[in-house]
Protein backbone atom coordinates (compact mmCIF):
# COMPACT_ATOMS: atom_id res chain seq x y z
CA MET A 1 63.35 -41.68 -169.21
CA LEU A 2 64.38 -38.14 -170.15
CA LEU A 3 65.07 -37.29 -166.50
CA LEU A 4 67.25 -40.39 -166.12
CA TYR A 5 69.12 -39.49 -169.32
CA ASP A 6 69.72 -35.94 -168.10
CA ILE A 7 70.99 -37.20 -164.75
CA CYS A 8 73.39 -39.58 -166.53
CA MET A 9 74.73 -36.72 -168.65
CA VAL A 10 75.43 -34.61 -165.56
CA LEU A 11 77.02 -37.53 -163.72
CA TYR A 12 79.22 -38.32 -166.71
CA ALA A 13 80.58 -34.76 -166.77
CA TRP A 14 81.17 -34.82 -163.01
CA ILE A 15 83.00 -38.15 -163.15
CA VAL A 16 85.23 -36.99 -166.00
CA ALA A 17 86.05 -33.82 -164.06
CA ALA A 18 86.76 -35.84 -160.91
CA ILE A 19 89.31 -38.11 -162.57
CA SER A 20 90.89 -35.37 -164.67
CA PRO A 21 93.84 -34.75 -162.27
CA TRP A 22 94.98 -38.32 -162.94
CA ASN A 23 93.81 -38.92 -166.51
CA SER A 24 95.22 -36.84 -169.38
CA LYS A 25 92.26 -37.34 -171.72
CA ALA A 26 89.76 -36.49 -168.98
CA LYS A 27 91.80 -33.39 -168.21
CA LEU A 28 91.66 -32.25 -171.82
CA TRP A 29 87.93 -33.07 -172.03
CA THR A 30 87.23 -30.92 -168.95
CA LYS A 31 89.64 -28.08 -169.66
CA GLY A 32 88.50 -27.76 -173.27
CA ARG A 33 84.90 -27.16 -172.18
CA ARG A 34 85.77 -24.59 -169.51
CA ASN A 35 84.24 -21.15 -170.24
CA ILE A 36 83.16 -22.45 -173.63
CA PHE A 37 80.04 -20.29 -173.82
CA ASP A 38 82.00 -17.12 -173.08
CA ARG A 39 84.44 -18.00 -175.86
CA MET A 40 81.66 -18.79 -178.29
CA SER A 41 79.82 -15.55 -177.51
CA LYS A 42 82.92 -13.49 -178.23
CA GLN A 43 83.68 -15.24 -181.51
CA ILE A 44 80.36 -16.08 -183.18
CA SER A 45 78.40 -13.16 -184.56
CA LYS A 46 74.61 -13.04 -184.50
CA GLU A 47 74.76 -12.15 -188.19
CA ASP A 48 76.69 -15.31 -189.10
CA ARG A 49 74.89 -17.93 -191.17
CA ILE A 50 76.06 -21.13 -189.51
CA VAL A 51 76.41 -24.67 -190.76
CA TRP A 52 77.24 -26.83 -187.76
CA MET A 53 78.91 -30.23 -188.07
CA HIS A 54 79.42 -32.42 -185.04
CA VAL A 55 81.79 -35.41 -184.96
CA ALA A 56 82.92 -37.73 -182.20
CA SER A 57 86.62 -37.88 -182.92
CA LEU A 58 89.27 -37.95 -185.62
CA GLY A 59 87.83 -40.82 -187.67
CA GLU A 60 84.40 -39.21 -187.89
CA PHE A 61 86.02 -35.89 -188.74
CA GLU A 62 87.63 -37.53 -191.76
CA GLN A 63 84.18 -38.77 -192.78
CA GLY A 64 82.66 -35.32 -192.46
CA ARG A 65 85.59 -33.46 -193.97
CA PRO A 66 84.66 -33.93 -197.66
CA VAL A 67 81.27 -32.36 -196.96
CA LEU A 68 82.83 -29.48 -195.03
CA GLU A 69 85.23 -28.78 -197.86
CA GLU A 70 82.45 -28.79 -200.43
CA ILE A 71 80.46 -26.33 -198.31
CA ARG A 72 83.51 -24.10 -197.98
CA LYS A 73 84.14 -24.25 -201.72
CA HIS A 74 80.62 -23.70 -203.02
CA TYR A 75 78.81 -21.83 -200.21
CA PRO A 76 81.15 -19.17 -198.83
CA GLU A 77 78.18 -17.27 -197.41
CA TYR A 78 78.07 -19.81 -194.57
CA LYS A 79 80.35 -19.91 -191.55
CA ILE A 80 81.32 -23.43 -190.54
CA LEU A 81 81.10 -24.49 -186.91
CA LEU A 82 82.83 -27.78 -186.08
CA THR A 83 82.52 -29.55 -182.73
CA PHE A 84 84.22 -32.61 -181.30
CA PHE A 85 83.25 -34.87 -178.41
CA SER A 86 86.67 -36.46 -177.91
CA PRO A 87 90.05 -34.88 -177.13
CA SER A 88 91.72 -37.25 -179.61
CA GLY A 89 89.85 -35.45 -182.38
CA TYR A 90 89.78 -31.89 -181.09
CA GLU A 91 93.43 -31.68 -180.07
CA VAL A 92 94.60 -32.85 -183.50
CA ARG A 93 92.21 -30.71 -185.57
CA LYS A 94 91.60 -27.63 -183.40
CA ASN A 95 93.47 -25.51 -185.94
CA TYR A 96 91.79 -27.00 -189.01
CA ALA A 97 91.58 -24.20 -191.57
CA GLY A 98 88.40 -25.52 -193.17
CA ALA A 99 86.19 -24.41 -190.26
CA ASP A 100 85.57 -20.94 -188.87
CA TYR A 101 84.83 -22.04 -185.31
CA ILE A 102 86.03 -25.22 -183.59
CA TYR A 103 85.01 -26.27 -180.09
CA TYR A 104 84.37 -29.22 -177.85
CA LEU A 105 80.69 -30.12 -177.69
CA PRO A 106 79.27 -29.22 -174.26
CA ALA A 107 77.67 -32.14 -172.43
CA ASP A 108 74.14 -32.96 -173.60
CA THR A 109 72.22 -31.39 -170.72
CA PRO A 110 69.16 -29.16 -171.27
CA ARG A 111 70.91 -26.04 -169.95
CA ASN A 112 74.03 -26.59 -172.07
CA VAL A 113 71.97 -27.30 -175.17
CA GLU A 114 69.88 -24.15 -174.73
CA ARG A 115 72.96 -21.94 -174.34
CA PHE A 116 74.92 -23.61 -177.13
CA LEU A 117 72.17 -23.34 -179.73
CA GLU A 118 71.27 -19.79 -178.73
CA ILE A 119 74.85 -18.68 -179.39
CA ALA A 120 75.53 -20.90 -182.42
CA HIS A 121 72.06 -20.44 -184.04
CA PRO A 122 72.82 -22.94 -186.85
CA GLU A 123 70.71 -22.94 -190.01
CA ILE A 124 71.87 -26.46 -190.84
CA ALA A 125 73.17 -29.15 -188.44
CA ILE A 126 75.05 -32.25 -189.62
CA PHE A 127 75.85 -35.14 -187.32
CA VAL A 128 78.32 -37.79 -188.44
CA LYS A 129 77.95 -41.56 -188.12
CA TYR A 130 77.12 -42.45 -184.50
CA GLU A 131 76.74 -39.03 -182.89
CA ILE A 132 73.13 -38.99 -181.73
CA TRP A 133 72.55 -36.73 -178.72
CA HIS A 134 68.93 -36.63 -177.58
CA ASN A 135 68.68 -33.13 -176.11
CA TYR A 136 70.56 -31.46 -178.93
CA LEU A 137 68.43 -33.17 -181.54
CA ARG A 138 65.10 -32.48 -179.87
CA LYS A 139 65.99 -28.83 -179.43
CA LEU A 140 67.17 -28.51 -183.03
CA LYS A 141 63.84 -29.91 -184.18
CA ALA A 142 61.93 -27.51 -181.95
CA ARG A 143 63.90 -24.61 -183.44
CA GLY A 144 63.12 -25.76 -186.97
CA THR A 145 66.79 -26.32 -187.81
CA ARG A 146 67.42 -28.56 -190.80
CA THR A 147 69.27 -31.52 -189.31
CA PHE A 148 70.99 -34.41 -191.06
CA LEU A 149 72.84 -37.61 -190.21
CA ILE A 150 75.58 -38.65 -192.66
CA SER A 151 77.76 -41.75 -193.14
CA ALA A 152 75.61 -43.56 -190.59
CA ILE A 153 75.61 -47.30 -190.16
CA PHE A 154 73.11 -49.28 -188.09
CA ARG A 155 73.19 -52.86 -186.82
CA ARG A 156 70.31 -54.99 -185.60
CA ASN A 157 71.74 -55.27 -182.09
CA SER A 158 71.62 -51.47 -181.68
CA ILE A 159 69.34 -50.10 -178.99
CA PHE A 160 67.18 -48.39 -181.64
CA PHE A 161 65.88 -51.80 -182.77
CA ARG A 162 65.22 -53.30 -179.35
CA SER A 163 61.71 -53.70 -177.96
CA TYR A 164 62.55 -51.10 -175.30
CA GLY A 165 64.18 -48.69 -177.74
CA PHE A 166 61.16 -46.44 -178.36
CA TRP A 167 62.62 -43.51 -176.44
CA TRP A 168 65.90 -43.70 -178.35
CA ARG A 169 64.04 -43.83 -181.65
CA GLN A 170 62.64 -40.39 -180.85
CA SER A 171 66.11 -38.99 -181.49
CA LEU A 172 66.10 -40.40 -185.02
CA ASP A 173 62.79 -38.66 -185.65
CA CYS A 174 64.64 -35.33 -185.49
CA PHE A 175 66.57 -35.85 -188.71
CA GLU A 176 65.24 -34.41 -191.95
CA GLN A 177 67.28 -37.02 -193.83
CA MET A 178 69.57 -39.86 -192.83
CA PHE A 179 72.35 -40.86 -195.22
CA VAL A 180 73.47 -44.42 -194.47
CA GLN A 181 76.40 -46.48 -195.65
CA ASN A 182 74.60 -49.65 -196.71
CA GLU A 183 71.29 -51.24 -197.64
CA GLU A 184 71.12 -53.18 -194.37
CA SER A 185 70.95 -49.90 -192.46
CA ARG A 186 68.17 -48.61 -194.69
CA GLU A 187 66.16 -51.81 -194.22
CA LEU A 188 66.57 -51.73 -190.43
CA LEU A 189 65.36 -48.15 -190.28
CA HIS A 190 62.43 -48.97 -192.56
CA GLU A 191 61.37 -51.72 -190.14
CA ILE A 192 60.91 -49.15 -187.37
CA GLY A 193 59.10 -46.65 -189.56
CA PHE A 194 61.80 -44.42 -191.00
CA ASP A 195 61.75 -43.90 -194.76
CA ASN A 196 63.66 -40.60 -194.90
CA VAL A 197 66.78 -42.67 -195.57
CA ILE A 198 69.19 -42.60 -198.53
CA VAL A 199 71.90 -45.20 -199.12
CA ALA A 200 74.73 -42.83 -200.00
CA GLY A 201 77.74 -44.86 -198.93
CA ASP A 202 80.65 -43.68 -196.85
CA THR A 203 82.09 -40.20 -197.43
CA ARG A 204 85.52 -41.51 -196.40
CA PHE A 205 85.88 -42.99 -199.89
CA ASP A 206 85.68 -39.46 -201.29
CA ARG A 207 88.17 -38.27 -198.69
CA VAL A 208 90.79 -40.93 -199.42
CA ALA A 209 90.39 -40.34 -203.16
CA ALA A 210 91.19 -36.67 -202.60
CA LEU A 211 94.15 -37.63 -200.41
CA ALA A 212 95.51 -39.92 -203.10
CA LYS A 213 95.30 -37.20 -205.73
CA ALA A 214 97.01 -34.68 -203.48
CA ALA A 215 99.52 -37.03 -201.82
CA PRO A 216 102.52 -34.90 -200.91
CA LYS A 217 106.11 -35.75 -201.60
CA ILE A 218 107.79 -36.79 -198.35
CA ASP A 219 111.49 -36.34 -198.91
CA LEU A 220 112.67 -38.42 -195.94
CA VAL A 221 110.43 -41.38 -196.85
CA GLU A 222 111.54 -41.14 -200.47
CA ARG A 223 115.19 -41.16 -199.46
CA PHE A 224 114.62 -44.02 -197.02
CA LYS A 225 112.89 -46.16 -199.63
CA GLY A 226 115.44 -45.54 -202.35
CA GLU A 227 115.23 -48.27 -204.99
CA GLN A 228 113.89 -50.91 -202.61
CA ARG A 229 110.31 -51.99 -201.97
CA LEU A 230 108.51 -50.56 -198.96
CA PHE A 231 106.11 -52.12 -196.47
CA VAL A 232 104.07 -49.58 -194.44
CA ALA A 233 102.52 -50.53 -191.09
CA GLY A 234 100.10 -47.79 -190.06
CA SER A 235 98.55 -46.92 -186.69
CA THR A 236 100.23 -49.80 -184.89
CA TRP A 237 100.03 -50.84 -181.26
CA GLY A 238 102.32 -53.11 -179.24
CA PRO A 239 100.81 -56.46 -180.32
CA ASP A 240 100.97 -55.38 -183.98
CA GLU A 241 104.61 -54.43 -183.65
CA ASP A 242 105.38 -57.73 -181.95
CA ILE A 243 104.10 -59.87 -184.86
CA LEU A 244 105.72 -57.56 -187.42
CA GLN A 245 109.18 -58.07 -185.93
CA ARG A 246 109.81 -61.53 -187.43
CA LEU A 247 108.62 -60.34 -190.84
CA ILE A 248 111.11 -57.48 -190.66
CA ASP A 249 113.97 -59.74 -189.57
CA ASN A 250 113.26 -62.29 -192.33
CA ASN A 251 113.12 -59.69 -195.12
CA PRO A 252 116.30 -57.61 -194.88
CA ASP A 253 116.04 -56.53 -198.52
CA ILE A 254 112.68 -54.83 -197.90
CA LYS A 255 112.26 -51.50 -196.14
CA PHE A 256 109.64 -51.13 -193.38
CA LEU A 257 107.95 -47.95 -192.24
CA ILE A 258 106.11 -48.16 -188.91
CA ALA A 259 103.71 -45.39 -187.83
CA PRO A 260 102.67 -45.99 -184.19
CA HIS A 261 99.14 -44.92 -183.32
CA GLU A 262 100.43 -43.26 -180.16
CA MET A 263 103.93 -41.92 -179.62
CA ASP A 264 104.79 -44.24 -176.76
CA GLU A 265 108.51 -43.75 -176.11
CA ALA A 266 108.99 -47.17 -174.56
CA ARG A 267 107.47 -48.92 -177.58
CA ILE A 268 109.45 -46.83 -180.03
CA GLU A 269 112.66 -47.63 -178.20
CA LYS A 270 111.70 -51.33 -178.24
CA ILE A 271 111.26 -51.24 -182.04
CA ILE A 272 114.67 -49.61 -182.42
CA ALA A 273 116.34 -52.08 -180.06
CA ASN A 274 114.82 -55.09 -181.87
CA SER A 275 115.73 -53.90 -185.37
CA LYS A 276 118.68 -56.06 -186.40
CA HIS A 277 119.28 -54.06 -189.57
CA GLY A 278 118.96 -50.58 -188.10
CA ALA A 279 116.13 -48.16 -187.40
CA VAL A 280 115.68 -44.40 -187.46
CA ARG A 281 113.00 -42.01 -186.23
CA TYR A 282 111.47 -39.37 -188.48
CA THR A 283 111.83 -36.69 -185.78
CA HIS A 284 115.54 -37.47 -185.36
CA CYS A 285 116.42 -37.16 -189.04
CA GLN A 286 118.38 -34.29 -190.54
CA LYS A 287 118.78 -33.32 -194.18
CA ASP A 288 122.11 -35.12 -194.29
CA THR A 289 121.06 -38.25 -192.36
CA ASP A 290 122.10 -41.39 -194.23
CA LEU A 291 118.92 -43.46 -194.55
CA SER A 292 120.20 -46.01 -197.02
CA ALA A 293 121.74 -48.29 -194.40
CA VAL A 294 118.70 -48.72 -192.12
CA GLN A 295 115.77 -51.07 -192.66
CA VAL A 296 113.13 -49.55 -190.35
CA PHE A 297 111.80 -46.01 -190.43
CA ILE A 298 109.59 -44.94 -187.51
CA LEU A 299 107.10 -42.25 -188.49
CA ASP A 300 106.79 -40.69 -185.03
CA THR A 301 104.69 -37.72 -186.11
CA VAL A 302 101.12 -37.11 -187.27
CA GLY A 303 99.68 -36.08 -190.61
CA LEU A 304 102.05 -37.94 -192.95
CA LEU A 305 100.80 -41.54 -192.90
CA ALA A 306 98.36 -41.15 -195.81
CA GLY A 307 101.17 -39.75 -197.95
CA ALA A 308 103.55 -42.50 -196.85
CA TYR A 309 101.21 -45.15 -198.28
CA SER A 310 101.84 -43.73 -201.74
CA TYR A 311 105.42 -45.06 -201.56
CA ALA A 312 104.43 -48.55 -200.41
CA THR A 313 103.84 -51.93 -202.02
CA TRP A 314 102.13 -53.65 -199.05
CA SER A 315 100.46 -52.49 -195.85
CA TYR A 316 99.50 -53.57 -192.37
CA ILE A 317 96.85 -51.70 -190.37
CA GLY A 318 97.08 -51.70 -186.58
CA GLY A 319 94.47 -51.95 -183.85
CA GLY A 320 93.13 -55.40 -184.66
CA PHE A 321 94.44 -56.91 -181.44
CA GLY A 322 92.63 -54.22 -179.43
CA VAL A 323 89.30 -52.46 -179.77
CA GLY A 324 89.40 -52.50 -183.57
CA ILE A 325 91.46 -51.72 -186.65
CA HIS A 326 92.19 -48.21 -187.85
CA ASN A 327 91.74 -46.67 -191.30
CA THR A 328 92.17 -49.25 -194.06
CA LEU A 329 90.91 -47.05 -196.90
CA GLU A 330 93.96 -44.79 -196.94
CA ALA A 331 96.06 -47.81 -197.88
CA ALA A 332 93.51 -49.41 -200.20
CA THR A 333 93.13 -46.28 -202.34
CA PHE A 334 96.78 -46.69 -203.35
CA GLY A 335 96.15 -50.30 -204.31
CA LEU A 336 97.97 -51.84 -201.35
CA PRO A 337 97.23 -55.37 -200.16
CA ILE A 338 96.26 -55.12 -196.49
CA ALA A 339 96.73 -57.28 -193.42
CA PHE A 340 95.36 -56.60 -189.94
CA GLY A 341 94.59 -58.29 -186.64
CA PRO A 342 91.45 -60.28 -185.81
CA ASN A 343 89.20 -57.51 -184.49
CA TYR A 344 87.85 -56.05 -187.73
CA GLN A 345 84.24 -57.27 -187.96
CA LYS A 346 82.56 -53.99 -187.06
CA PHE A 347 84.18 -52.22 -190.02
CA LYS A 348 82.19 -52.71 -193.21
CA GLU A 349 85.03 -51.77 -195.56
CA ALA A 350 87.33 -54.30 -193.87
CA ARG A 351 84.75 -57.07 -194.16
CA ASP A 352 84.17 -56.15 -197.79
CA MET A 353 87.88 -56.24 -198.63
CA VAL A 354 88.42 -59.56 -196.86
CA ALA A 355 85.57 -61.03 -198.90
CA LEU A 356 87.04 -59.63 -202.11
CA GLY A 357 90.58 -60.81 -201.36
CA ALA A 358 92.17 -57.37 -200.98
CA ALA A 359 92.67 -57.76 -197.22
CA THR A 360 93.49 -60.59 -194.84
CA LYS A 361 93.07 -61.16 -191.12
CA VAL A 362 96.16 -62.46 -189.31
CA GLU A 363 96.47 -63.60 -185.72
CA SER A 364 100.15 -64.48 -185.46
CA ALA A 365 103.59 -63.90 -186.95
CA ASP A 366 103.21 -67.21 -188.83
CA GLU A 367 99.98 -66.08 -190.48
CA LEU A 368 101.46 -62.70 -191.34
CA GLU A 369 104.39 -64.35 -193.12
CA ALA A 370 102.09 -66.80 -194.90
CA TRP A 371 100.07 -63.85 -196.26
CA PHE A 372 103.13 -61.84 -197.22
CA LYS A 373 105.32 -64.35 -199.06
CA PRO A 374 103.09 -64.85 -202.15
CA LEU A 375 102.61 -61.09 -202.43
CA ARG A 376 106.34 -60.60 -202.19
CA ASP A 377 107.36 -63.32 -204.66
CA ASP A 378 104.52 -63.48 -207.20
CA ALA A 379 104.20 -60.30 -209.24
CA ALA A 380 100.95 -61.41 -210.88
CA HIS A 381 99.34 -62.17 -207.51
CA LEU A 382 100.46 -58.81 -206.17
CA ALA A 383 99.11 -56.94 -209.20
CA HIS A 384 95.76 -58.74 -208.98
CA THR A 385 95.35 -58.03 -205.26
CA SER A 386 96.37 -54.40 -205.74
CA THR A 387 93.78 -53.93 -208.48
CA ILE A 388 91.02 -55.34 -206.25
CA ALA A 389 91.91 -52.90 -203.45
CA ARG A 390 92.09 -49.87 -205.74
CA ASP A 391 88.89 -50.74 -207.62
CA TYR A 392 86.98 -51.19 -204.36
CA THR A 393 87.75 -47.63 -203.25
CA THR A 394 87.00 -46.21 -206.70
CA LYS A 395 83.60 -47.91 -207.06
CA ASN A 396 82.42 -46.66 -203.66
CA GLN A 397 83.05 -42.97 -204.19
CA GLY A 398 80.22 -40.46 -204.65
CA ALA A 399 78.55 -40.05 -201.23
CA THR A 400 79.61 -36.41 -200.87
CA PRO A 401 77.97 -35.01 -204.05
CA LEU A 402 74.76 -36.90 -203.22
CA ILE A 403 74.65 -35.38 -199.74
CA MET A 404 75.36 -31.91 -201.11
CA GLN A 405 72.56 -32.30 -203.67
CA VAL A 406 69.98 -33.17 -201.01
CA VAL A 407 71.09 -30.67 -198.38
CA PHE A 408 71.74 -27.68 -200.64
CA GLY A 409 69.79 -28.60 -203.76
CA LYS A 410 72.79 -28.27 -206.07
């Protein structure tokens, strides 16, 4: 099985390299790993005491970030090494000031693993959520490196719990401690013999709480909102924008901010063309731009969405008509009622908030309007829903200090 796994890892890297001339993400994936060991050798000192955190992409980085920042704050004797698997995470956070060294993770082949760990020589390794790489984990265990899994979530249909999943379960045996998000995950792991499991919750609740406290003033959004109420639609895709259009048209006295997940020029131009009451792009605004006369503000930049939620009264989260919704907690921490498309079931926090009444699934423009009207017209209903959302995020904080206590003993 190990030989087959190793062959698959090599083939994966070859295939990505082969399609890279025609695929931008594959090109970044390949280019970012080129000469990586030479770069690491020149930058990482043998005297460094390394804490290594590995994440898949941007969402997992946000889960790991509270832990990284606590390490930076309380344990300055350590250097922080941060690795990403995906270009969508690395390219956005490659200049993150909270880590000393940031790289793509080399493919999980025995040769790559040997070279990577020899150069990085981590004292502590932290993997986030789903990132379970067999060769890295087995080698870390052989080296005696303290290795942890945080913010993990397991489901019964996962390969670890199948009758043929014995080989994959060997990877889990490499963790000193696994911090999971819910009791179901703990019970599943217990069934297959793992009791080194702590239900800590999701570190993203700590992250969004910190974001809420430090939400920056965004002058352009503040000027755009003025004295009117604001609806923020975050991380949207084409189908999300399509069902939002009627809501925008039917509510000319409400301002709408749309933050596309990807800066697709054709989609942005479509939003502008369809906006009967005017639209403006963040990147096209000047200090003297008159924002009072337009109804739609397109946030065509990154890094400001979390702060934009602080100005809002309601929210819509995109992605639910595709592979899955994006971050709902950033909106919920500000007490915003949330709507999203139908594909949300694999996100625990979304399921929780639907059950509590803080969030609603919508599949059409009609359903979106039916959800919105009571929240627009009934102040008591709005206040009640907002309280549910805010309380949910508050009650689920605390994973980060628990992890720090176990890992560092303080």
